[in-house]
Structures are given as structure tokens and as C-alpha cells.
Amino acid sequence: MPWQQKIQHLLGKPVGISFTNGQGTSGILCSAQGGQLYVIEYLYQSQFALKHYDYRMIQDINTFPSCYQQQPLY
């Protein structure tokens, strides 16, 4: 499914975003409007930033998997 069709289901959820340049980021998907995605990303300590990315930069978006899909490592 193209990432554009996933957006409405991913709003408010933790996501990983891959960019067309091979880099990526993760955060909470806040909104999508005007050809931009708005994501809250963790910076450091107790600081977060709302960042925006142009649709043309995005290759794919995926939600984080559940913590309980795998057996614990201990």
C-alpha cells in the first residue's frame, strides 16, 4: 500500500519514516497537510521538536511494531 494511503491510520502513532535519500527518522505523526508531514521527534533530555517534511522527500512510513510480537531476550 502506498504510504499516502496509510497516513490517516498512522496519525497520533509512533512511526518510522524513510526518506528518498536513504536516511530516516522516527517520532509521533501529528498531522499531514499542505504536502507536509508534521512529526514530533525526540531531541535529548526532555526536549522534543515538531519537524515537517515535504511529501517529495518521503519513500515510506511504517508504524512501530508491538513490543509483544517477539519473545523476550532474557
PDB file of N, CA and C in Angstrom:
ATOM      1  N   MET A   1       0.849  -1.177   0.000  1.00  0.00           N
ATOM      2  CA  MET A   1       0.000   0.000   0.000  1.00  0.00           C
ATOM      3  C   MET A   1       0.897   1.243   0.000  1.00  0.00           C
ATOM      4  N   PRO A   2       0.641   2.199  -0.862  1.00  0.00           N
ATOM      5  CA  PRO A   2       1.424   3.439  -0.875  1.00  0.00           C
ATOM      6  C   PRO A   2       1.314   4.168   0.467  1.00  0.00           C
ATOM      7  N   TRP A   3       2.411   4.809   0.869  1.00  0.00           N
ATOM      8  CA  TRP A   3       2.428   5.442   2.192  1.00  0.00           C
ATOM      9  C   TRP A   3       1.363   6.518   2.329  1.00  0.00           C
ATOM     10  N   GLN A   4       0.996   7.184   1.249  1.00  0.00           N
ATOM     11  CA  GLN A   4      -0.018   8.245   1.322  1.00  0.00           C
ATOM     12  C   GLN A   4      -1.370   7.700   1.804  1.00  0.00           C
ATOM     13  N   GLN A   5      -1.640   6.439   1.498  1.00  0.00           N
ATOM     14  CA  GLN A   5      -2.902   5.825   1.913  1.00  0.00           C
ATOM     15  C   GLN A   5      -2.880   5.396   3.375  1.00  0.00           C
ATOM     16  N   LYS A   6      -1.695   5.338   3.992  1.00  0.00           N
ATOM     17  CA  LYS A   6      -1.566   4.923   5.387  1.00  0.00           C
ATOM     18  C   LYS A   6      -1.709   6.081   6.373  1.00  0.00           C
ATOM     19  N   ILE A   7      -1.554   7.308   5.908  1.00  0.00           N
ATOM     20  CA  ILE A   7      -1.428   8.457   6.801  1.00  0.00           C
ATOM     21  C   ILE A   7      -2.558   8.551   7.814  1.00  0.00           C
ATOM     22  N   GLN A   8      -3.800   8.473   7.384  1.00  0.00           N
ATOM     23  CA  GLN A   8      -4.929   8.653   8.306  1.00  0.00           C
ATOM     24  C   GLN A   8      -4.917   7.618   9.431  1.00  0.00           C
ATOM     25  N   HIS A   9      -4.422   6.416   9.151  1.00  0.00           N
ATOM     26  CA  HIS A   9      -4.375   5.358  10.166  1.00  0.00           C
ATOM     27  C   HIS A   9      -3.192   5.525  11.111  1.00  0.00           C
ATOM     28  N   LEU A  10      -2.203   6.316  10.705  1.00  0.00           N
ATOM     29  CA  LEU A  10      -0.979   6.465  11.494  1.00  0.00           C
ATOM     30  C   LEU A  10      -0.947   7.739  12.334  1.00  0.00           C
ATOM     31  N   LEU A  11      -1.901   8.629  12.145  1.00  0.00           N
ATOM     32  CA  LEU A  11      -1.905   9.881  12.908  1.00  0.00           C
ATOM     33  C   LEU A  11      -1.960   9.602  14.407  1.00  0.00           C
ATOM     34  N   GLY A  12      -1.079  10.264  15.146  1.00  0.00           N
ATOM     35  CA  GLY A  12      -1.018  10.107  16.592  1.00  0.00           C
ATOM     36  C   GLY A  12      -0.227   8.901  17.054  1.00  0.00           C
ATOM     37  N   LYS A  13       0.359   8.142  16.120  1.00  0.00           N
ATOM     38  CA  LYS A  13       1.083   6.924  16.470  1.00  0.00           C
ATOM     39  C   LYS A  13       2.585   7.097  16.235  1.00  0.00           C
ATOM     40  N   PRO A  14       3.404   6.299  16.936  1.00  0.00           N
ATOM     41  CA  PRO A  14       4.846   6.324  16.657  1.00  0.00           C
ATOM     42  C   PRO A  14       5.128   5.675  15.306  1.00  0.00           C
ATOM     43  N   VAL A  15       5.908   6.374  14.494  1.00  0.00           N
ATOM     44  CA  VAL A  15       6.203   5.896  13.145  1.00  0.00           C
ATOM     45  C   VAL A  15       7.695   6.012  12.846  1.00  0.00           C
ATOM     46  N   GLY A  16       8.118   5.202  11.899  1.00  0.00           N
ATOM     47  CA  GLY A  16       9.432   5.328  11.297  1.00  0.00           C
ATOM     48  C   GLY A  16       9.235   5.826   9.879  1.00  0.00           C
ATOM     49  N   ILE A  17      10.028   6.799   9.480  1.00  0.00           N
ATOM     50  CA  ILE A  17       9.900   7.390   8.147  1.00  0.00           C
ATOM     51  C   ILE A  17      11.218   7.199   7.410  1.00  0.00           C
ATOM     52  N   SER A  18      11.154   6.611   6.217  1.00  0.00           N
ATOM     53  CA  SER A  18      12.345   6.508   5.380  1.00  0.00           C
ATOM     54  C   SER A  18      12.245   7.549   4.274  1.00  0.00           C
ATOM     55  N   PHE A  19      13.376   8.182   4.023  1.00  0.00           N
ATOM     56  CA  PHE A  19      13.446   9.252   3.022  1.00  0.00           C
ATOM     57  C   PHE A  19      14.066   8.733   1.733  1.00  0.00           C
ATOM     58  N   THR A  20      13.821   9.440   0.666  1.00  0.00           N
ATOM     59  CA  THR A  20      14.333   9.036  -0.641  1.00  0.00           C
ATOM     60  C   THR A  20      15.857   9.102  -0.706  1.00  0.00           C
ATOM     61  N   ASN A  21      16.505   9.849   0.200  1.00  0.00           N
ATOM     62  CA  ASN A  21      17.964   9.947   0.197  1.00  0.00           C
ATOM     63  C   ASN A  21      18.627   8.839   1.005  1.00  0.00           C
ATOM     64  N   GLY A  22      17.841   7.890   1.527  1.00  0.00           N
ATOM     65  CA  GLY A  22      18.391   6.773   2.272  1.00  0.00           C
ATOM     66  C   GLY A  22      18.430   6.980   3.779  1.00  0.00           C
ATOM     67  N   GLN A  23      18.155   8.176   4.242  1.00  0.00           N
ATOM     68  CA  GLN A  23      18.119   8.442   5.672  1.00  0.00           C
ATOM     69  C   GLN A  23      16.732   8.157   6.212  1.00  0.00           C
ATOM     70  N   GLY A  24      16.565   8.334   7.517  1.00  0.00           N
ATOM     71  CA  GLY A  24      15.270   8.109   8.122  1.00  0.00           C
ATOM     72  C   GLY A  24      15.149   8.832   9.442  1.00  0.00           C
ATOM     73  N   THR A  25      13.947   8.810   9.998  1.00  0.00           N
ATOM     74  CA  THR A  25      13.684   9.404  11.295  1.00  0.00           C
ATOM     75  C   THR A  25      12.516   8.667  11.925  1.00  0.00           C
ATOM     76  N   SER A  26      12.279   8.962  13.197  1.00  0.00           N
ATOM     77  CA  SER A  26      11.129   8.370  13.871  1.00  0.00           C
ATOM     78  C   SER A  26      10.537   9.386  14.829  1.00  0.00           C
ATOM     79  N   GLY A  27       9.268   9.215  15.134  1.00  0.00           N
ATOM     80  CA  GLY A  27       8.572  10.108  16.044  1.00  0.00           C
ATOM     81  C   GLY A  27       7.082   9.837  16.000  1.00  0.00           C
ATOM     82  N   ILE A  28       6.317  10.768  16.546  1.00  0.00           N
ATOM     83  CA  ILE A  28       4.858  10.673  16.542  1.00  0.00           C
ATOM     84  C   ILE A  28       4.344  11.481  15.352  1.00  0.00           C
ATOM     85  N   LEU A  29       3.552  10.859  14.511  1.00  0.00           N
ATOM     86  CA  LEU A  29       2.979  11.554  13.356  1.00  0.00           C
ATOM     87  C   LEU A  29       1.814  12.418  13.829  1.00  0.00           C
ATOM     88  N   CYS A  30       1.984  13.731  13.750  1.00  0.00           N
ATOM     89  CA  CYS A  30       0.978  14.672  14.264  1.00  0.00           C
ATOM     90  C   CYS A  30      -0.070  15.051  13.230  1.00  0.00           C
ATOM     91  N   SER A  31       0.381  15.380  12.031  1.00  0.00           N
ATOM     92  CA  SER A  31      -0.586  15.767  11.004  1.00  0.00           C
ATOM     93  C   SER A  31       0.062  15.688   9.627  1.00  0.00           C
ATOM     94  N   ALA A  32      -0.791  15.795   8.630  1.00  0.00           N
ATOM     95  CA  ALA A  32      -0.367  15.809   7.235  1.00  0.00           C
ATOM     96  C   ALA A  32      -1.251  16.820   6.532  1.00  0.00           C
ATOM     97  N   GLN A  33      -0.649  17.904   6.079  1.00  0.00           N
ATOM     98  CA  GLN A  33      -1.422  18.937   5.386  1.00  0.00           C
ATOM     99  C   GLN A  33      -0.515  19.773   4.511  1.00  0.00           C
ATOM    100  N   GLY A  34      -1.058  20.269   3.427  1.00  0.00           N
ATOM    101  CA  GLY A  34      -0.301  21.130   2.524  1.00  0.00           C
ATOM    102  C   GLY A  34       0.936  20.479   1.945  1.00  0.00           C
ATOM    103  N   GLY A  35       0.898  19.152   1.733  1.00  0.00           N
ATOM    104  CA  GLY A  35       2.057  18.464   1.171  1.00  0.00           C
ATOM    105  C   GLY A  35       3.188  18.270   2.165  1.00  0.00           C
ATOM    106  N   GLN A  36       2.904  18.420   3.457  1.00  0.00           N
ATOM    107  CA  GLN A  36       3.906  18.277   4.509  1.00  0.00           C
ATOM    108  C   GLN A  36       3.420  17.298   5.576  1.00  0.00           C
ATOM    109  N   LEU A  37       4.353  16.508   6.108  1.00  0.00           N
ATOM    110  CA  LEU A  37       4.091  15.689   7.286  1.00  0.00           C
ATOM    111  C   LEU A  37       4.682  16.399   8.486  1.00  0.00           C
ATOM    112  N   TYR A  38       3.974  16.408   9.610  1.00  0.00           N
ATOM    113  CA  TYR A  38       4.447  17.023  10.845  1.00  0.00           C
ATOM    114  C   TYR A  38       4.652  15.919  11.872  1.00  0.00           C
ATOM    115  N   VAL A  39       5.876  15.846  12.396  1.00  0.00           N
ATOM    116  CA  VAL A  39       6.284  14.763  13.280  1.00  0.00           C
ATOM    117  C   VAL A  39       6.958  15.350  14.515  1.00  0.00           C
ATOM    118  N   ILE A  40       6.560  14.889  15.705  1.00  0.00           N
ATOM    119  CA  ILE A  40       7.274  15.266  16.928  1.00  0.00           C
ATOM    120  C   ILE A  40       8.407  14.271  17.104  1.00  0.00           C
ATOM    121  N   GLU A  41       9.634  14.803  17.185  1.00  0.00           N
ATOM    122  CA  GLU A  41      10.817  13.971  17.346  1.00  0.00           C
ATOM    123  C   GLU A  41      11.506  14.293  18.665  1.00  0.00           C
ATOM    124  N   TYR A  42      12.094  13.283  19.257  1.00  0.00           N
ATOM    125  CA  TYR A  42      12.860  13.450  20.483  1.00  0.00           C
ATOM    126  C   TYR A  42      14.221  14.025  20.136  1.00  0.00           C
ATOM    127  N   LEU A  43      14.664  15.047  20.887  1.00  0.00           N
ATOM    128  CA  LEU A  43      15.987  15.627  20.679  1.00  0.00           C
ATOM    129  C   LEU A  43      16.971  15.077  21.711  1.00  0.00           C
ATOM    130  N   TYR A  44      16.804  15.477  22.957  1.00  0.00           N
ATOM    131  CA  TYR A  44      17.625  14.981  24.053  1.00  0.00           C
ATOM    132  C   TYR A  44      17.029  15.460  25.365  1.00  0.00           C
ATOM    133  N   GLN A  45      17.433  14.794  26.461  1.00  0.00           N
ATOM    134  CA  GLN A  45      16.902  15.069  27.794  1.00  0.00           C
ATOM    135  C   GLN A  45      15.383  15.121  27.725  1.00  0.00           C
ATOM    136  N   SER A  46      14.782  16.262  28.008  1.00  0.00           N
ATOM    137  CA  SER A  46      13.314  16.356  27.961  1.00  0.00           C
ATOM    138  C   SER A  46      12.854  17.268  26.826  1.00  0.00           C
ATOM    139  N   GLN A  47      13.641  17.342  25.761  1.00  0.00           N
ATOM    140  CA  GLN A  47      13.317  18.243  24.659  1.00  0.00           C
ATOM    141  C   GLN A  47      12.832  17.475  23.427  1.00  0.00           C
ATOM    142  N   PHE A  48      11.775  18.008  22.849  1.00  0.00           N
ATOM    143  CA  PHE A  48      11.185  17.464  21.634  1.00  0.00           C
ATOM    144  C   PHE A  48      11.035  18.594  20.629  1.00  0.00           C
ATOM    145  N   ALA A  49      10.952  18.252  19.357  1.00  0.00           N
ATOM    146  CA  ALA A  49      10.772  19.263  18.312  1.00  0.00           C
ATOM    147  C   ALA A  49       9.711  18.797  17.328  1.00  0.00           C
ATOM    148  N   LEU A  50       8.864  19.725  16.908  1.00  0.00           N
ATOM    149  CA  LEU A  50       7.914  19.450  15.839  1.00  0.00           C
ATOM    150  C   LEU A  50       8.613  19.774  14.532  1.00  0.00           C
ATOM    151  N   LYS A  51       8.827  18.753  13.711  1.00  0.00           N
ATOM    152  CA  LYS A  51       9.510  18.941  12.428  1.00  0.00           C
ATOM    153  C   LYS A  51       8.532  18.644  11.297  1.00  0.00           C
ATOM    154  N   HIS A  52       8.803  19.210  10.149  1.00  0.00           N
ATOM    155  CA  HIS A  52       7.945  18.955   8.990  1.00  0.00           C
ATOM    156  C   HIS A  52       8.796  18.511   7.812  1.00  0.00           C
ATOM    157  N   TYR A  53       8.221  17.623   7.025  1.00  0.00           N
ATOM    158  CA  TYR A  53       8.908  17.044   5.875  1.00  0.00           C
ATOM    159  C   TYR A  53       7.986  17.081   4.668  1.00  0.00           C
ATOM    160  N   ASP A  54       8.543  17.510   3.557  1.00  0.00           N
ATOM    161  CA  ASP A  54       7.806  17.565   2.300  1.00  0.00           C
ATOM    162  C   ASP A  54       7.522  16.150   1.801  1.00  0.00           C
ATOM    163  N   TYR A  55       6.335  15.951   1.275  1.00  0.00           N
ATOM    164  CA  TYR A  55       5.946  14.636   0.747  1.00  0.00           C
ATOM    165  C   TYR A  55       6.978  14.093  -0.248  1.00  0.00           C
ATOM    166  N   ARG A  56       7.596  14.973  -1.029  1.00  0.00           N
ATOM    167  CA  ARG A  56       8.541  14.525  -2.060  1.00  0.00           C
ATOM    168  C   ARG A  56       9.789  13.884  -1.462  1.00  0.00           C
ATOM    169  N   MET A  57      10.059  14.127  -0.176  1.00  0.00           N
ATOM    170  CA  MET A  57      11.231  13.559   0.495  1.00  0.00           C
ATOM    171  C   MET A  57      10.982  12.142   1.007  1.00  0.00           C
ATOM    172  N   ILE A  58       9.724  11.726   1.061  1.00  0.00           N
ATOM    173  CA  ILE A  58       9.356  10.507   1.773  1.00  0.00           C
ATOM    174  C   ILE A  58       9.249   9.308   0.838  1.00  0.00           C
ATOM    175  N   GLN A  59       9.906   8.228   1.246  1.00  0.00           N
ATOM    176  CA  GLN A  59       9.818   6.974   0.499  1.00  0.00           C
ATOM    177  C   GLN A  59       8.761   6.067   1.107  1.00  0.00           C
ATOM    178  N   ASP A  60       8.735   5.968   2.452  1.00  0.00           N
ATOM    179  CA  ASP A  60       7.754   5.096   3.101  1.00  0.00           C
ATOM    180  C   ASP A  60       7.573   5.512   4.559  1.00  0.00           C
ATOM    181  N   ILE A  61       6.455   5.107   5.141  1.00  0.00           N
ATOM    182  CA  ILE A  61       6.150   5.344   6.554  1.00  0.00           C
ATOM    183  C   ILE A  61       5.594   4.037   7.121  1.00  0.00           C
ATOM    184  N   ASN A  62       6.082   3.666   8.292  1.00  0.00           N
ATOM    185  CA  ASN A  62       5.592   2.455   8.948  1.00  0.00           C
ATOM    186  C   ASN A  62       5.400   2.709  10.430  1.00  0.00           C
ATOM    187  N   THR A  63       4.371   2.091  10.987  1.00  0.00           N
ATOM    188  CA  THR A  63       4.139   2.190  12.416  1.00  0.00           C
ATOM    189  C   THR A  63       5.111   1.280  13.148  1.00  0.00           C
ATOM    190  N   PHE A  64       5.374   1.600  14.401  1.00  0.00           N
ATOM    191  CA  PHE A  64       6.240   0.749  15.205  1.00  0.00           C
ATOM    192  C   PHE A  64       5.526  -0.570  15.493  1.00  0.00           C
ATOM    193  N   PRO A  65       6.267  -1.663  15.538  1.00  0.00           N
ATOM    194  CA  PRO A  65       5.640  -2.946  15.882  1.00  0.00           C
ATOM    195  C   PRO A  65       5.339  -2.998  17.376  1.00  0.00           C
ATOM    196  N   SER A  66       4.455  -3.876  17.750  1.00  0.00           N
ATOM    197  CA  SER A  66       4.134  -4.084  19.145  1.00  0.00           C
ATOM    198  C   SER A  66       5.332  -4.683  19.872  1.00  0.00           C
ATOM    199  N   CYS A  67       5.505  -4.342  21.123  1.00  0.00           N
ATOM    200  CA  CYS A  67       6.588  -4.906  21.938  1.00  0.00           C
ATOM    201  C   CYS A  67       6.369  -6.385  22.201  1.00  0.00           C
ATOM    202  N   TYR A  68       5.154  -6.859  22.072  1.00  0.00           N
ATOM    203  CA  TYR A  68       4.818  -8.222  22.458  1.00  0.00           C
ATOM    204  C   TYR A  68       4.767  -9.186  21.287  1.00  0.00           C
ATOM    205  N   GLN A  69       5.322  -8.803  20.142  1.00  0.00           N
ATOM    206  CA  GLN A  69       5.320  -9.700  18.998  1.00  0.00           C
ATOM    207  C   GLN A  69       6.469 -10.702  19.051  1.00  0.00           C
ATOM    208  N   GLN A  70       7.477 -10.427  19.866  1.00  0.00           N
ATOM    209  CA  GLN A  70       8.635 -11.300  19.938  1.00  0.00           C
ATOM    210  C   GLN A  70       8.815 -11.810  21.360  1.00  0.00           C
ATOM    211  N   GLN A  71       9.540 -12.898  21.490  1.00  0.00           N
ATOM    212  CA  GLN A  71       9.862 -13.432  22.805  1.00  0.00           C
ATOM    213  C   GLN A  71      10.902 -12.532  23.459  1.00  0.00           C
ATOM    214  N   PRO A  72      10.813 -12.337  24.778  1.00  0.00           N
ATOM    215  CA  PRO A  72      11.835 -11.537  25.470  1.00  0.00           C
ATOM    216  C   PRO A  72      13.219 -12.153  25.300  1.00  0.00           C
ATOM    217  N   LEU A  73      14.246 -11.297  25.326  1.00  0.00           N
ATOM    218  CA  LEU A  73      15.612 -11.761  25.134  1.00  0.00           C
ATOM    219  C   LEU A  73      16.258 -12.275  26.412  1.00  0.00           C
ATOM    220  N   TYR A  74      15.596 -12.163  27.544  1.00  0.00           N
ATOM    221  CA  TYR A  74      16.194 -12.609  28.823  1.00  0.00           C
ATOM    222  C   TYR A  74      15.758 -13.984  29.214  1.00  0.00           C
TER     223      TYR A  74
END
